[in-house]
Amino acid sequence: MTLIRPSTGAPDAGGPLPRRSGTARAVAVLVLVALGALIPLLGPSAALHGTGEAAPPGDGGIALLRAVLFAGLCVPVGELFVKRLARAVPDAPKAMPRSWAVYAAGAGFVAALGLASVVATGNLVPHSLAEIDVGGLYDSRDGKLALVEVNAFLVAGLCARSARPASQVWPLAAVVVAEALRAHPPTEHEPLVGSGLTLVHLTCAALWVGGLLYALRTLRGWGASEAGSALLGLYARVAAVLLAAITATGLWSTLRRMPPETVLDQLTSTAYGRVLLAKVLLVAAVAGLALWARLRLRRAPDPLTACSPARAEVALLGAVVVVSGLLTALPLPIRW
């Protein structure tokens, strides 16, 4: 739960907050994207160093594609979530920020297509189109799930451009279900339990990350108004529940893959454990920023002055998404 940076001038109470230079914002975004891309591309070698584990083929590229897929899921889910919250705000302005759902669906489609091409070559990185066996995708469980994700992002993009953009919730839900099933193959112990945990974890994470981004964009347009404060309050209450669910499902999933007596050792001796530890630390930092913002929201005479944690929390949540993509490309921990 975060807030926007207050105006340094004296705008009207209901007017929009002043904006920074468009060029400066564009440069900042490009720098953050470039730095974020380095995590999955260079992260596997650092995580695997000294563990004795073999690096999966194309781990860096797969991690980057998976991170883009997660981001492509979070953006439209968050928009739908905040728009629904906004309808419950009394006297809320009609104007909402321009949707990024079409662009997110396009990015998700490209990432899903790239991941499907890897599955079509037997989980190897294809070096030419001739190596990709598209028909073979229908012969395996992973292949079918990869096709579901490709088609779901395509349909989501079409729904986002239609007269009823809210209908994209169904193809987006299909992506979440496919990811949950993909992460837990039938050979795993109690795969349905694992898929259920991933389903809840991924859904709550998408609502939290994407919802925060769209809430900040909405508040920037609404300005210092009572409606903005009400929207922040609604988001804060839901975000607290989402964080609790993310923490509970993440802890349960960790204990399923790492028995309690081996967790501390594997957090430092395995690549999966090291990246998981980094993710936990990032989420803890985000939770601290969210708590700080919530306290300032309650105590400050003007709720919109609680701006300090805003941009830092958004950046850290972006890092969490990227690290999550890296986590899926690493070897699973050993059950001792």
Foldseek 3Di string as FASTA:
>chain_A
DAFAAAAPDDDDQFFFHDDDDPVVVVVVVVVLVVVLLCCLQVVVCVLAPQQPDDAQAPLSVQLSLQLLLLQLLLQVLLVLLLVVLLVVFPPRDPDFDDGPNLVSLVSNLVSLVLVLQCVQQVNHRDPDPVSGDLVCLVVDLLSVLSVLSNVLSVVLNVCCPDPHNSVNVVSSLSNLLSVLDNLFDPVADPSVVSSVLSSLLSSLLSNLLNNLVRLRRGCSRRHQDPSNLSSVVVSLVSNVVSLVSNVVSVVVNLCSQEPPVCLVVCLRSHSLNVLVVVLVVLSVVLVVLSVQLVVCCVPPPRSNNRHVSRVVSSSSSSSSSSSVSSSSSGDGDDHD
